Amino acid sequence: MTGAMYSAIAGLRTHMDKLNVIGNNVANVSTNAYKTQRSVFRDSLYTMYSRGSDGSATSAGKNPSQTGFGSRLTSIDMNMATSTYTPGRPMDCMLYGDGFFLVGDKNIEIDLSNPESAKALTLTRLGDFEFRADGYLADGKGNAVYGFLNVESDDLGKPQVSDQLQAIKLPEDENSPSGFLQIDGIEIDAKTGRITGTSKDTDQIITIGFIAVGNVTNPGGVEHKGDSYYSAGTGSGALTVSLLGGAATDLQVYGSSKMLSEYNVSSAGATEMITGGLEASNVDLATEISEMITTQRGYQANTRIVTITDSMLEELVNMKR
């Protein structure tokens, strides 16, 4: 009978763990770019009551008989499917498809010849971007957004970019009190991630740079860091740096005859970007409420096993009286 007690206690634990996951999902139903989590149960240990056999010349075979000891939580998975678009500010960005924006401190050095070095950056699906007072493009938490800066444009106005993945910032201008070029009407091209604006001094259209996208082999394997951030850990596989709309194959690296794609920068493939808004949470509230009810019922059933087992043990003890 104590086996039933142990099984019920294991069931109580796993159902409480599942309720924790459901509670977190419900709490983030309005959190931009939040990805739903789910709990996966498996049955636990078994002991052999009687072994099975294939039969003999005189008797038929029989199946094994085993007694189990409850359930256990084996994984908490993330649903990385793209959610819906919610309108916002002009500089807001949303990725439709796989991939993450790359953010971090201003001066993280990335060696594109060693793609693993890009894992020093933080991943996010939340594109609440804006140019700050120091001239850097940053998200709502103040982390710099990474990409490729335009160094100069050729005679046809086509950008030539740096071969370094770095924090995106406005072009420097030593004659400006702020230390960087004063630019109006900054826009982000949804197709390529190209950031442009108009110089206040010359009225020329200036290309500032291109927003980079990070892709991992296993998006569900990234690790939560809180604040809508993830890290590319050992379970996520390789992290590759890419640009949207095939821009990497069109951009020439400044001072070189090579294209940016020759520096381990790939195409983001089918991933697209939508500007002027953010990605919504992909929590389905109806599903979560349904899961909450069934989890509660499962928890209650396990408490009944504990109560009944305790009652039966009490009856057994009373037999001596």
C-alpha atoms as a PDB file:
ATOM      1  CA  MET A   1       0.000   0.000   0.000  1.00  0.00           C
ATOM      2  CA  THR A   2       2.883   2.356   0.603  1.00  0.00           C
ATOM      3  CA  GLY A   3       3.634   2.054  -3.127  1.00  0.00           C
ATOM      4  CA  ALA A   4       0.329   3.803  -3.834  1.00  0.00           C
ATOM      5  CA  MET A   5       1.348   6.540  -1.400  1.00  0.00           C
ATOM      6  CA  TYR A   6       4.684   7.051  -3.141  1.00  0.00           C
ATOM      7  CA  SER A   7       2.974   7.135  -6.546  1.00  0.00           C
ATOM      8  CA  ALA A   8       0.458   9.710  -5.330  1.00  0.00           C
ATOM      9  CA  ILE A   9       3.188  11.918  -3.856  1.00  0.00           C
ATOM     10  CA  ALA A  10       5.057  11.800  -7.177  1.00  0.00           C
ATOM     11  CA  GLY A  11       1.797  12.720  -8.927  1.00  0.00           C
ATOM     12  CA  LEU A  12       1.235  15.660  -6.585  1.00  0.00           C
ATOM     13  CA  ARG A  13       4.730  16.952  -7.289  1.00  0.00           C
ATOM     14  CA  THR A  14       4.444  16.698 -11.075  1.00  0.00           C
ATOM     15  CA  HIS A  15       0.996  18.297 -11.169  1.00  0.00           C
ATOM     16  CA  MET A  16       2.237  21.189  -9.054  1.00  0.00           C
ATOM     17  CA  ASP A  17       5.193  21.630 -11.403  1.00  0.00           C
ATOM     18  CA  LYS A  18       2.782  21.686 -14.333  1.00  0.00           C
ATOM     19  CA  LEU A  19       0.600  24.259 -12.589  1.00  0.00           C
ATOM     20  CA  ASN A  20       3.686  26.454 -12.129  1.00  0.00           C
ATOM     21  CA  VAL A  21       4.268  26.347 -15.892  1.00  0.00           C
ATOM     22  CA  ILE A  22       0.602  27.110 -16.626  1.00  0.00           C
ATOM     23  CA  GLY A  23       0.650  29.982 -14.138  1.00  0.00           C
ATOM     24  CA  ASN A  24       3.696  31.488 -15.858  1.00  0.00           C
ATOM     25  CA  ASN A  25       1.989  31.204 -19.252  1.00  0.00           C
ATOM     26  CA  VAL A  26      -1.183  32.907 -17.989  1.00  0.00           C
ATOM     27  CA  ALA A  27       0.860  35.652 -16.305  1.00  0.00           C
ATOM     28  CA  ASN A  28       2.536  36.375 -19.664  1.00  0.00           C
ATOM     29  CA  VAL A  29      -0.572  36.314 -21.848  1.00  0.00           C
ATOM     30  CA  SER A  30       0.018  40.019 -22.619  1.00  0.00           C
ATOM     31  CA  THR A  31       3.840  39.933 -22.629  1.00  0.00           C
ATOM     32  CA  ASN A  32       5.167  40.889 -26.062  1.00  0.00           C
ATOM     33  CA  ALA A  33       7.104  38.109 -27.842  1.00  0.00           C
ATOM     34  CA  TYR A  34       6.547  35.630 -24.986  1.00  0.00           C
ATOM     35  CA  LYS A  35       6.734  31.958 -26.029  1.00  0.00           C
ATOM     36  CA  THR A  36       4.370  29.447 -24.423  1.00  0.00           C
ATOM     37  CA  GLN A  37       5.827  26.620 -22.368  1.00  0.00           C
ATOM     38  CA  ARG A  38       4.353  23.159 -21.839  1.00  0.00           C
ATOM     39  CA  SER A  39       5.027  20.395 -19.340  1.00  0.00           C
ATOM     40  CA  VAL A  40       5.655  16.832 -20.528  1.00  0.00           C
ATOM     41  CA  PHE A  41       5.053  13.957 -18.093  1.00  0.00           C
ATOM     42  CA  ARG A  42       6.378  10.406 -18.294  1.00  0.00           C
ATOM     43  CA  ASP A  43       5.654   7.429 -16.092  1.00  0.00           C
ATOM     44  CA  SER A  44       8.281   6.730 -13.473  1.00  0.00           C
ATOM     45  CA  LEU A  45      10.046   3.656 -12.090  1.00  0.00           C
ATOM     46  CA  TYR A  46       8.658   0.113 -12.168  1.00  0.00           C
ATOM     47  CA  THR A  47       9.257  -2.999 -10.108  1.00  0.00           C
ATOM     48  CA  MET A  48       8.745  -6.487 -11.500  1.00  0.00           C
ATOM     49  CA  TYR A  49       5.815  -8.363  -9.926  1.00  0.00           C
ATOM     50  CA  SER A  50       6.226 -11.361 -12.215  1.00  0.00           C
ATOM     51  CA  ARG A  51       8.286 -11.833 -15.345  1.00  0.00           C
ATOM     52  CA  GLY A  52       6.897 -12.709 -18.733  1.00  0.00           C
ATOM     53  CA  SER A  53       7.765 -15.754 -20.792  1.00  0.00           C
ATOM     54  CA  ASP A  54       7.631 -16.895 -24.411  1.00  0.00           C
ATOM     55  CA  GLY A  55       5.968 -20.180 -23.470  1.00  0.00           C
ATOM     56  CA  SER A  56       7.194 -23.751 -23.520  1.00  0.00           C
ATOM     57  CA  ALA A  57       6.262 -27.131 -24.942  1.00  0.00           C
ATOM     58  CA  THR A  58       3.516 -27.528 -22.325  1.00  0.00           C
ATOM     59  CA  SER A  59       2.439 -23.999 -21.349  1.00  0.00           C
ATOM     60  CA  ALA A  60       1.549 -20.780 -23.138  1.00  0.00           C
ATOM     61  CA  GLY A  61       3.512 -17.588 -22.760  1.00  0.00           C
ATOM     62  CA  LYS A  62       2.541 -14.823 -20.375  1.00  0.00           C
ATOM     63  CA  ASN A  63       3.048 -11.097 -20.175  1.00  0.00           C
ATOM     64  CA  PRO A  64       5.175  -9.449 -17.480  1.00  0.00           C
ATOM     65  CA  SER A  65       3.416  -7.851 -14.511  1.00  0.00           C
ATOM     66  CA  GLN A  66       4.956  -4.635 -13.191  1.00  0.00           C
ATOM     67  CA  THR A  67       4.035  -2.115 -10.537  1.00  0.00           C
ATOM     68  CA  GLY A  68       4.725   1.569 -11.220  1.00  0.00           C
ATOM     69  CA  PHE A  69       5.642   4.384  -8.864  1.00  0.00           C
ATOM     70  CA  GLY A  70       3.925   7.427 -10.295  1.00  0.00           C
ATOM     71  CA  SER A  71       4.883  10.081 -12.820  1.00  0.00           C
ATOM     72  CA  ARG A  72       7.648  12.600 -13.300  1.00  0.00           C
ATOM     73  CA  LEU A  73       8.206  15.810 -15.212  1.00  0.00           C
ATOM     74  CA  THR A  74      10.719  15.122 -17.981  1.00  0.00           C
ATOM     75  CA  SER A  75      10.764  18.367 -19.954  1.00  0.00           C
ATOM     76  CA  ILE A  76       9.401  21.897 -20.182  1.00  0.00           C
ATOM     77  CA  ASP A  77       9.246  22.740 -23.877  1.00  0.00           C
ATOM     78  CA  MET A  78       8.845  26.104 -25.582  1.00  0.00           C
ATOM     79  CA  ASN A  79       6.518  26.780 -28.478  1.00  0.00           C
ATOM     80  CA  MET A  80       8.636  29.057 -30.676  1.00  0.00           C
ATOM     81  CA  ALA A  81       5.926  29.612 -33.295  1.00  0.00           C
ATOM     82  CA  THR A  82       5.541  33.205 -34.475  1.00  0.00           C
ATOM     83  CA  SER A  83       2.634  35.046 -32.897  1.00  0.00           C
ATOM     84  CA  THR A  84       0.499  37.912 -34.197  1.00  0.00           C
ATOM     85  CA  TYR A  85       1.508  41.505 -34.941  1.00  0.00           C
ATOM     86  CA  THR A  86       0.577  44.330 -32.569  1.00  0.00           C
ATOM     87  CA  PRO A  87       0.914  47.896 -33.944  1.00  0.00           C
ATOM     88  CA  GLY A  88       3.327  50.157 -32.102  1.00  0.00           C
ATOM     89  CA  ARG A  89       5.969  52.814 -32.784  1.00  0.00           C
ATOM     90  CA  PRO A  90       7.763  53.404 -36.115  1.00  0.00           C
ATOM     91  CA  MET A  91      11.068  51.863 -34.936  1.00  0.00           C
ATOM     92  CA  ASP A  92       9.450  48.736 -33.498  1.00  0.00           C
ATOM     93  CA  CYS A  93      10.409  45.514 -35.269  1.00  0.00           C
ATOM     94  CA  MET A  94       8.937  42.017 -35.362  1.00  0.00           C
ATOM     95  CA  LEU A  95      10.465  38.881 -36.872  1.00  0.00           C
ATOM     96  CA  TYR A  96       8.083  36.640 -38.783  1.00  0.00           C
ATOM     97  CA  GLY A  97       9.647  33.192 -38.876  1.00  0.00           C
ATOM     98  CA  ASP A  98      12.740  31.772 -37.214  1.00  0.00           C
ATOM     99  CA  GLY A  99      15.516  33.901 -35.788  1.00  0.00           C
ATOM    100  CA  PHE A 100      16.331  36.367 -33.038  1.00  0.00           C
ATOM    101  CA  PHE A 101      17.565  39.923 -32.765  1.00  0.00           C
ATOM    102  CA  LEU A 102      21.092  40.152 -31.353  1.00  0.00           C
ATOM    103  CA  VAL A 103      21.664  42.550 -28.439  1.00  0.00           C
ATOM    104  CA  GLY A 104      24.231  43.140 -25.726  1.00  0.00           C
ATOM    105  CA  ASP A 105      26.704  45.624 -24.263  1.00  0.00           C
ATOM    106  CA  LYS A 106      28.159  48.188 -26.664  1.00  0.00           C
ATOM    107  CA  ASN A 107      31.673  46.783 -26.991  1.00  0.00           C
ATOM    108  CA  ILE A 108      31.332  43.006 -27.367  1.00  0.00           C
ATOM    109  CA  GLU A 109      33.889  41.791 -29.908  1.00  0.00           C
ATOM    110  CA  ILE A 110      32.653  39.167 -32.346  1.00  0.00           C
ATOM    111  CA  ASP A 111      34.994  37.215 -34.602  1.00  0.00           C
ATOM    112  CA  LEU A 112      32.976  36.146 -37.639  1.00  0.00           C
ATOM    113  CA  SER A 113      35.635  33.584 -38.534  1.00  0.00           C
ATOM    114  CA  ASN A 114      34.571  31.853 -35.304  1.00  0.00           C
ATOM    115  CA  PRO A 115      30.755  31.750 -35.321  1.00  0.00           C
ATOM    116  CA  GLU A 116      30.709  30.468 -31.719  1.00  0.00           C
ATOM    117  CA  SER A 117      31.915  33.894 -30.561  1.00  0.00           C
ATOM    118  CA  ALA A 118      28.487  35.326 -31.473  1.00  0.00           C
ATOM    119  CA  LYS A 119      27.075  33.361 -28.528  1.00  0.00           C
ATOM    120  CA  ALA A 120      28.435  36.142 -26.322  1.00  0.00           C
ATOM    121  CA  LEU A 121      25.438  38.164 -27.509  1.00  0.00           C
ATOM    122  CA  THR A 122      21.925  37.889 -26.087  1.00  0.00           C
ATOM    123  CA  LEU A 123      18.977  36.743 -28.205  1.00  0.00           C
ATOM    124  CA  THR A 124      15.534  38.312 -28.162  1.00  0.00           C
ATOM    125  CA  ARG A 125      12.323  38.318 -30.183  1.00  0.00           C
ATOM    126  CA  LEU A 126      11.258  41.665 -28.732  1.00  0.00           C
ATOM    127  CA  GLY A 127      12.182  44.486 -31.101  1.00  0.00           C
ATOM    128  CA  ASP A 128      11.319  47.632 -29.113  1.00  0.00           C
ATOM    129  CA  PHE A 129      14.141  49.636 -30.650  1.00  0.00           C
ATOM    130  CA  GLU A 130      15.056  53.308 -30.567  1.00  0.00           C
ATOM    131  CA  PHE A 131      18.158  55.462 -31.046  1.00  0.00           C
ATOM    132  CA  ARG A 132      19.226  56.731 -27.629  1.00  0.00           C
ATOM    133  CA  ALA A 133      20.935  59.935 -26.518  1.00  0.00           C
ATOM    134  CA  ASP A 134      24.392  58.388 -27.005  1.00  0.00           C
ATOM    135  CA  GLY A 135      23.628  57.618 -30.663  1.00  0.00           C
ATOM    136  CA  TYR A 136      23.273  53.843 -30.225  1.00  0.00           C
ATOM    137  CA  LEU A 137      20.291  51.800 -31.363  1.00  0.00           C
ATOM    138  CA  ALA A 138      19.026  50.047 -28.225  1.00  0.00           C
ATOM    139  CA  ASP A 139      16.077  48.037 -26.968  1.00  0.00           C
ATOM    140  CA  GLY A 140      13.774  48.974 -24.107  1.00  0.00           C
ATOM    141  CA  LYS A 141      16.225  47.631 -21.497  1.00  0.00           C
ATOM    142  CA  GLY A 142      19.124  49.681 -22.893  1.00  0.00           C
ATOM    143  CA  ASN A 143      20.970  46.842 -24.631  1.00  0.00           C
ATOM    144  CA  ALA A 144      22.631  47.795 -27.915  1.00  0.00           C
ATOM    145  CA  VAL A 145      21.275  46.194 -31.103  1.00  0.00           C
ATOM    146  CA  TYR A 146      23.924  44.483 -33.249  1.00  0.00           C
ATOM    147  CA  GLY A 147      24.331  44.551 -37.000  1.00  0.00           C
ATOM    148  CA  PHE A 148      26.644  45.846 -39.727  1.00  0.00           C
ATOM    149  CA  LEU A 149      27.512  49.534 -40.060  1.00  0.00           C
ATOM    150  CA  ASN A 150      27.708  51.349 -43.352  1.00  0.00           C
ATOM    151  CA  VAL A 151      31.198  52.778 -43.895  1.00  0.00           C
ATOM    152  CA  GLU A 152      30.524  54.690 -47.101  1.00  0.00           C
ATOM    153  CA  SER A 153      28.468  54.497 -50.283  1.00  0.00           C
ATOM    154  CA  ASP A 154      29.825  54.042 -53.797  1.00  0.00           C
ATOM    155  CA  ASP A 155      29.167  56.391 -56.724  1.00  0.00           C
ATOM    156  CA  LEU A 156      25.742  54.803 -57.246  1.00  0.00           C
ATOM    157  CA  GLY A 157      24.779  55.273 -53.619  1.00  0.00           C
ATOM    158  CA  LYS A 158      25.090  51.589 -52.813  1.00  0.00           C
ATOM    159  CA  PRO A 159      26.278  50.961 -49.231  1.00  0.00           C
ATOM    160  CA  GLN A 160      29.644  49.442 -48.441  1.00  0.00           C
ATOM    161  CA  VAL A 161      29.646  47.928 -44.989  1.00  0.00           C
ATOM    162  CA  SER A 162      32.122  46.952 -42.316  1.00  0.00           C
ATOM    163  CA  ASP A 163      33.077  43.288 -42.018  1.00  0.00           C
ATOM    164  CA  GLN A 164      32.521  43.494 -38.240  1.00  0.00           C
ATOM    165  CA  LEU A 165      29.354  42.592 -36.376  1.00  0.00           C
ATOM    166  CA  GLN A 166      28.995  45.466 -33.933  1.00  0.00           C
ATOM    167  CA  ALA A 167      26.580  47.672 -32.033  1.00  0.00           C
ATOM    168  CA  ILE A 168      24.601  49.862 -34.428  1.00  0.00           C
ATOM    169  CA  LYS A 169      25.175  53.582 -33.888  1.00  0.00           C
ATOM    170  CA  LEU A 170      24.778  56.843 -35.770  1.00  0.00           C
ATOM    171  CA  PRO A 171      27.750  57.952 -37.895  1.00  0.00           C
ATOM    172  CA  GLU A 172      30.342  59.946 -35.973  1.00  0.00           C
ATOM    173  CA  ASP A 173      30.656  63.708 -36.587  1.00  0.00           C
ATOM    174  CA  GLU A 174      33.400  65.551 -34.734  1.00  0.00           C
ATOM    175  CA  ASN A 175      31.790  68.910 -35.572  1.00  0.00           C
ATOM    176  CA  SER A 176      28.538  68.006 -33.840  1.00  0.00           C
ATOM    177  CA  PRO A 177      28.088  68.783 -30.116  1.00  0.00           C
ATOM    178  CA  SER A 178      26.716  65.278 -29.639  1.00  0.00           C
ATOM    179  CA  GLY A 179      29.632  63.642 -31.408  1.00  0.00           C
ATOM    180  CA  PHE A 180      27.469  61.990 -34.032  1.00  0.00           C
ATOM    181  CA  LEU A 181      25.648  63.022 -37.200  1.00  0.00           C
ATOM    182  CA  GLN A 182      22.257  64.603 -36.704  1.00  0.00           C
ATOM    183  CA  ILE A 183      19.738  62.554 -38.695  1.00  0.00           C
ATOM    184  CA  ASP A 184      15.985  62.988 -39.142  1.00  0.00           C
ATOM    185  CA  GLY A 185      13.256  60.646 -40.309  1.00  0.00           C
ATOM    186  CA  ILE A 186      15.032  57.404 -39.425  1.00  0.00           C
ATOM    187  CA  GLU A 187      13.369  54.362 -41.001  1.00  0.00           C
ATOM    188  CA  ILE A 188      13.984  50.619 -41.067  1.00  0.00           C
ATOM    189  CA  ASP A 189      13.448  48.720 -44.302  1.00  0.00           C
ATOM    190  CA  ALA A 190      11.390  45.653 -43.430  1.00  0.00           C
ATOM    191  CA  LYS A 191      12.799  43.634 -46.334  1.00  0.00           C
ATOM    192  CA  THR A 192      16.521  43.967 -45.614  1.00  0.00           C
ATOM    193  CA  GLY A 193      16.800  45.533 -42.142  1.00  0.00           C
ATOM    194  CA  ARG A 194      18.508  48.569 -43.666  1.00  0.00           C
ATOM    195  CA  ILE A 195      18.374  51.668 -41.449  1.00  0.00           C
ATOM    196  CA  THR A 196      18.280  55.022 -43.250  1.00  0.00           C
ATOM    197  CA  GLY A 197      17.678  58.652 -42.393  1.00  0.00           C
ATOM    198  CA  THR A 198      18.117  62.165 -43.731  1.00  0.00           C
ATOM    199  CA  SER A 199      21.094  64.302 -42.692  1.00  0.00           C
ATOM    200  CA  LYS A 200      19.975  67.594 -41.166  1.00  0.00           C
ATOM    201  CA  ASP A 201      22.985  69.396 -42.654  1.00  0.00           C
ATOM    202  CA  THR A 202      22.929  68.151 -46.242  1.00  0.00           C
ATOM    203  CA  ASP A 203      19.433  66.661 -46.693  1.00  0.00           C
ATOM    204  CA  GLN A 204      21.133  63.558 -48.043  1.00  0.00           C
ATOM    205  CA  ILE A 205      19.700  60.115 -47.352  1.00  0.00           C
ATOM    206  CA  ILE A 206      22.202  58.284 -45.158  1.00  0.00           C
ATOM    207  CA  THR A 207      22.451  54.532 -44.697  1.00  0.00           C
ATOM    208  CA  ILE A 208      23.326  53.902 -41.057  1.00  0.00           C
ATOM    209  CA  GLY A 209      23.588  50.132 -41.141  1.00  0.00           C
ATOM    210  CA  PHE A 210      21.770  46.801 -41.278  1.00  0.00           C
ATOM    211  CA  ILE A 211      20.128  44.921 -38.410  1.00  0.00           C
ATOM    212  CA  ALA A 212      21.503  41.396 -38.029  1.00  0.00           C
ATOM    213  CA  VAL A 213      19.496  38.281 -37.192  1.00  0.00           C
ATOM    214  CA  GLY A 214      20.753  35.263 -35.256  1.00  0.00           C
ATOM    215  CA  ASN A 215      19.594  31.761 -36.161  1.00  0.00           C
ATOM    216  CA  VAL A 216      20.193  28.645 -34.058  1.00  0.00           C
ATOM    217  CA  THR A 217      19.933  25.015 -35.112  1.00  0.00           C
ATOM    218  CA  ASN A 218      17.370  24.243 -32.406  1.00  0.00           C
ATOM    219  CA  PRO A 219      15.293  27.328 -31.448  1.00  0.00           C
ATOM    220  CA  GLY A 220      13.542  25.373 -28.696  1.00  0.00           C
ATOM    221  CA  GLY A 221      16.926  24.750 -27.077  1.00  0.00           C
ATOM    222  CA  VAL A 222      17.682  28.358 -26.137  1.00  0.00           C
ATOM    223  CA  GLU A 223      17.815  29.178 -22.434  1.00  0.00           C
ATOM    224  CA  HIS A 224      15.639  31.791 -20.719  1.00  0.00           C
ATOM    225  CA  LYS A 225      17.469  34.722 -19.119  1.00  0.00           C
ATOM    226  CA  GLY A 226      14.384  36.716 -18.135  1.00  0.00           C
ATOM    227  CA  ASP A 227      13.274  40.110 -19.504  1.00  0.00           C
ATOM    228  CA  SER A 228      12.403  38.432 -22.855  1.00  0.00           C
ATOM    229  CA  TYR A 229      16.051  37.464 -23.385  1.00  0.00           C
ATOM    230  CA  TYR A 230      17.566  34.110 -24.300  1.00  0.00           C
ATOM    231  CA  SER A 231      21.066  32.712 -24.563  1.00  0.00           C
ATOM    232  CA  ALA A 232      22.326  30.233 -27.134  1.00  0.00           C
ATOM    233  CA  GLY A 233      23.370  27.420 -24.827  1.00  0.00           C
ATOM    234  CA  THR A 234      24.636  23.924 -25.513  1.00  0.00           C
ATOM    235  CA  GLY A 235      21.144  22.663 -26.372  1.00  0.00           C
ATOM    236  CA  SER A 236      20.483  25.237 -29.094  1.00  0.00           C
ATOM    237  CA  GLY A 237      23.191  24.143 -31.518  1.00  0.00           C
ATOM    238  CA  ALA A 238      25.225  26.484 -33.686  1.00  0.00           C
ATOM    239  CA  LEU A 239      24.423  30.200 -33.848  1.00  0.00           C
ATOM    240  CA  THR A 240      24.732  31.780 -37.290  1.00  0.00           C
ATOM    241  CA  VAL A 241      24.611  35.480 -38.126  1.00  0.00           C
ATOM    242  CA  SER A 242      22.438  36.458 -41.072  1.00  0.00           C
ATOM    243  CA  LEU A 243      20.793  39.370 -42.838  1.00  0.00           C
ATOM    244  CA  LEU A 244      17.254  39.616 -44.132  1.00  0.00           C
ATOM    245  CA  GLY A 245      16.175  39.557 -47.755  1.00  0.00           C
ATOM    246  CA  GLY A 246      19.457  38.195 -49.081  1.00  0.00           C
ATOM    247  CA  ALA A 247      21.201  41.471 -48.239  1.00  0.00           C
ATOM    248  CA  ALA A 248      24.430  39.663 -47.324  1.00  0.00           C
ATOM    249  CA  THR A 249      24.980  38.628 -50.931  1.00  0.00           C
ATOM    250  CA  ASP A 250      24.387  42.185 -52.217  1.00  0.00           C
ATOM    251  CA  LEU A 251      26.550  44.120 -49.770  1.00  0.00           C
ATOM    252  CA  GLN A 252      30.189  44.743 -50.585  1.00  0.00           C
ATOM    253  CA  VAL A 253      32.628  44.912 -47.699  1.00  0.00           C
ATOM    254  CA  TYR A 254      34.395  48.280 -47.561  1.00  0.00           C
ATOM    255  CA  GLY A 255      37.968  48.166 -48.842  1.00  0.00           C
ATOM    256  CA  SER A 256      37.459  44.727 -50.342  1.00  0.00           C
ATOM    257  CA  SER A 257      36.065  43.127 -53.462  1.00  0.00           C
ATOM    258  CA  LYS A 258      34.272  40.548 -51.327  1.00  0.00           C
ATOM    259  CA  MET A 259      30.601  40.398 -50.438  1.00  0.00           C
ATOM    260  CA  LEU A 260      29.509  40.217 -46.806  1.00  0.00           C
ATOM    261  CA  SER A 261      28.268  36.652 -47.385  1.00  0.00           C
ATOM    262  CA  GLU A 262      31.929  35.606 -47.700  1.00  0.00           C
ATOM    263  CA  TYR A 263      32.464  36.515 -44.022  1.00  0.00           C
ATOM    264  CA  ASN A 264      30.267  33.770 -42.535  1.00  0.00           C
ATOM    265  CA  VAL A 265      27.175  35.967 -42.808  1.00  0.00           C
ATOM    266  CA  SER A 266      24.303  34.029 -44.334  1.00  0.00           C
ATOM    267  CA  SER A 267      20.786  34.757 -45.564  1.00  0.00           C
ATOM    268  CA  ALA A 268      17.954  34.655 -43.027  1.00  0.00           C
ATOM    269  CA  GLY A 269      16.033  32.522 -45.503  1.00  0.00           C
ATOM    270  CA  ALA A 270      12.245  32.728 -45.259  1.00  0.00           C
ATOM    271  CA  THR A 271      12.390  34.896 -42.128  1.00  0.00           C
ATOM    272  CA  GLU A 272      10.857  38.323 -42.682  1.00  0.00           C
ATOM    273  CA  MET A 273      10.634  41.480 -40.615  1.00  0.00           C
ATOM    274  CA  ILE A 274       7.614  43.662 -39.989  1.00  0.00           C
ATOM    275  CA  THR A 275       8.217  47.209 -38.775  1.00  0.00           C
ATOM    276  CA  GLY A 276       5.997  49.589 -36.838  1.00  0.00           C
ATOM    277  CA  GLY A 277       4.887  46.989 -34.297  1.00  0.00           C
ATOM    278  CA  LEU A 278       5.853  44.161 -31.956  1.00  0.00           C
ATOM    279  CA  GLU A 279       5.171  40.450 -31.760  1.00  0.00           C
ATOM    280  CA  ALA A 280       2.391  39.462 -29.367  1.00  0.00           C
ATOM    281  CA  SER A 281       2.494  36.621 -26.855  1.00  0.00           C
ATOM    282  CA  ASN A 282       1.620  33.245 -28.378  1.00  0.00           C
ATOM    283  CA  VAL A 283      -0.218  32.075 -25.248  1.00  0.00           C
ATOM    284  CA  ASP A 284      -3.653  30.593 -26.031  1.00  0.00           C
ATOM    285  CA  LEU A 285      -5.616  31.526 -22.919  1.00  0.00           C
ATOM    286  CA  ALA A 286      -8.436  29.050 -23.626  1.00  0.00           C
ATOM    287  CA  THR A 287      -5.927  26.192 -23.825  1.00  0.00           C
ATOM    288  CA  GLU A 288      -4.218  27.278 -20.623  1.00  0.00           C
ATOM    289  CA  ILE A 289      -7.501  27.448 -18.689  1.00  0.00           C
ATOM    290  CA  SER A 290      -8.431  23.980 -19.958  1.00  0.00           C
ATOM    291  CA  GLU A 291      -5.027  22.640 -18.895  1.00  0.00           C
ATOM    292  CA  MET A 292      -5.415  24.341 -15.526  1.00  0.00           C
ATOM    293  CA  ILE A 293      -8.733  22.559 -14.872  1.00  0.00           C
ATOM    294  CA  THR A 294      -7.417  19.115 -15.836  1.00  0.00           C
ATOM    295  CA  THR A 295      -4.270  19.703 -13.753  1.00  0.00           C
ATOM    296  CA  GLN A 296      -6.385  20.635 -10.754  1.00  0.00           C
ATOM    297  CA  ARG A 297      -8.470  17.470 -11.171  1.00  0.00           C
ATOM    298  CA  GLY A 298      -5.321  15.360 -11.461  1.00  0.00           C
ATOM    299  CA  TYR A 299      -3.928  16.933  -8.304  1.00  0.00           C
ATOM    300  CA  GLN A 300      -7.184  16.307  -6.428  1.00  0.00           C
ATOM    301  CA  ALA A 301      -7.237  12.655  -7.522  1.00  0.00           C
ATOM    302  CA  ASN A 302      -3.712  12.165  -6.183  1.00  0.00           C
ATOM    303  CA  THR A 303      -4.692  13.682  -2.825  1.00  0.00           C
ATOM    304  CA  ARG A 304      -7.519  11.127  -2.650  1.00  0.00           C
ATOM    305  CA  ILE A 305      -5.014   8.303  -3.163  1.00  0.00           C
ATOM    306  CA  VAL A 306      -2.992   9.646  -0.224  1.00  0.00           C
ATOM    307  CA  THR A 307      -6.122   9.887   1.952  1.00  0.00           C
ATOM    308  CA  ILE A 308      -7.417   6.435   1.053  1.00  0.00           C
ATOM    309  CA  THR A 309      -4.005   4.800   1.505  1.00  0.00           C
ATOM    310  CA  ASP A 310      -3.686   6.426   4.908  1.00  0.00           C
ATOM    311  CA  SER A 311      -7.149   5.123   5.859  1.00  0.00           C
ATOM    312  CA  MET A 312      -6.279   1.584   4.743  1.00  0.00           C
ATOM    313  CA  LEU A 313      -3.030   1.668   6.729  1.00  0.00           C
ATOM    314  CA  GLU A 314      -4.973   2.813   9.758  1.00  0.00           C
ATOM    315  CA  GLU A 315      -7.366  -0.133   9.345  1.00  0.00           C
ATOM    316  CA  LEU A 316      -4.386  -2.468   9.158  1.00  0.00           C
ATOM    317  CA  VAL A 317      -2.939  -1.120  12.393  1.00  0.00           C
ATOM    318  CA  ASN A 318      -6.306  -1.400  14.127  1.00  0.00           C
ATOM    319  CA  MET A 319      -6.405  -5.141  13.387  1.00  0.00           C
ATOM    320  CA  LYS A 320      -4.015  -5.680  16.329  1.00  0.00           C
ATOM    321  CA  ARG A 321      -6.406  -4.031  18.781  1.00  0.00           C
END
